[in-house]
Every structure is written in structure tokens, then in C-alpha cells.
Amino acid sequence: MGVFLPVSSLWMGFHMLTENESWTVLLVLILIDWIKS
């Protein structure tokens, strides 16, 4: 639960920077995979 806030804020930041859904989704998937490992 402790990583949810930084990840969501990162997601918002990247979403605003790129404004590209596919890039944002890919980035989130990579982040989730990295957190799990």
C-alpha cells in the first residue's frame, strides 16, 4: 500500500507529460512488474 501513492503520482506526472495513453499504460505495467520482483 505504501507504493501506491508514489506510483499514482508518477502515473499522473507521466500522463500529463506525454498525453499518450499507450505510453502511460506501458510505463505503469513496467513499474508494477518492477515492484513485484
C-alpha atoms as a PDB file:
ATOM      1  CA  MET A   1       0.000   0.000   0.000  1.00  0.00           C
ATOM      2  CA  GLY A   2       2.967   2.282   0.633  1.00  0.00           C
ATOM      3  CA  VAL A   3       3.998   2.303  -3.021  1.00  0.00           C
ATOM      4  CA  PHE A   4       0.540   3.166  -4.368  1.00  0.00           C
ATOM      5  CA  LEU A   5       0.796   6.915  -3.777  1.00  0.00           C
ATOM      6  CA  PRO A   6       4.211   7.491  -5.419  1.00  0.00           C
ATOM      7  CA  VAL A   7       3.221   5.239  -8.320  1.00  0.00           C
ATOM      8  CA  SER A   8      -0.079   7.058  -8.852  1.00  0.00           C
ATOM      9  CA  SER A   9       1.637  10.443  -8.690  1.00  0.00           C
ATOM     10  CA  LEU A  10       4.280   9.176 -11.136  1.00  0.00           C
ATOM     11  CA  TRP A  11       1.468   7.981 -13.396  1.00  0.00           C
ATOM     12  CA  MET A  12      -0.210  11.382 -13.255  1.00  0.00           C
ATOM     13  CA  GLY A  13       3.090  13.137 -13.969  1.00  0.00           C
ATOM     14  CA  PHE A  14       3.908  10.974 -16.964  1.00  0.00           C
ATOM     15  CA  HIS A  15       0.319  11.166 -18.202  1.00  0.00           C
ATOM     16  CA  MET A  16       0.489  14.953 -18.180  1.00  0.00           C
ATOM     17  CA  LEU A  17       3.929  14.969 -19.832  1.00  0.00           C
ATOM     18  CA  THR A  18       3.218  12.506 -22.627  1.00  0.00           C
ATOM     19  CA  GLU A  19      -0.585  12.744 -23.013  1.00  0.00           C
ATOM     20  CA  ASN A  20      -0.239   9.356 -24.683  1.00  0.00           C
ATOM     21  CA  GLU A  21      -2.363   6.564 -23.213  1.00  0.00           C
ATOM     22  CA  SER A  22      -0.390   3.657 -24.672  1.00  0.00           C
ATOM     23  CA  TRP A  23       2.898   5.018 -23.329  1.00  0.00           C
ATOM     24  CA  THR A  24       1.364   5.595 -19.895  1.00  0.00           C
ATOM     25  CA  VAL A  25      -0.142   2.103 -19.700  1.00  0.00           C
ATOM     26  CA  LEU A  26       3.165   0.551 -20.774  1.00  0.00           C
ATOM     27  CA  LEU A  27       5.031   2.561 -18.148  1.00  0.00           C
ATOM     28  CA  VAL A  28       2.602   1.523 -15.402  1.00  0.00           C
ATOM     29  CA  LEU A  29       2.928  -2.146 -16.376  1.00  0.00           C
ATOM     30  CA  ILE A  30       6.726  -1.878 -16.231  1.00  0.00           C
ATOM     31  CA  LEU A  31       6.538  -0.181 -12.823  1.00  0.00           C
ATOM     32  CA  ILE A  32       4.186  -2.860 -11.444  1.00  0.00           C
ATOM     33  CA  ASP A  33       6.455  -5.615 -12.768  1.00  0.00           C
ATOM     34  CA  TRP A  34       9.493  -3.913 -11.179  1.00  0.00           C
ATOM     35  CA  ILE A  35       7.730  -3.536  -7.815  1.00  0.00           C
ATOM     36  CA  LYS A  36       6.679  -7.213  -7.790  1.00  0.00           C
ATOM     37  CA  SER A  37      10.196  -8.528  -8.452  1.00  0.00           C
END
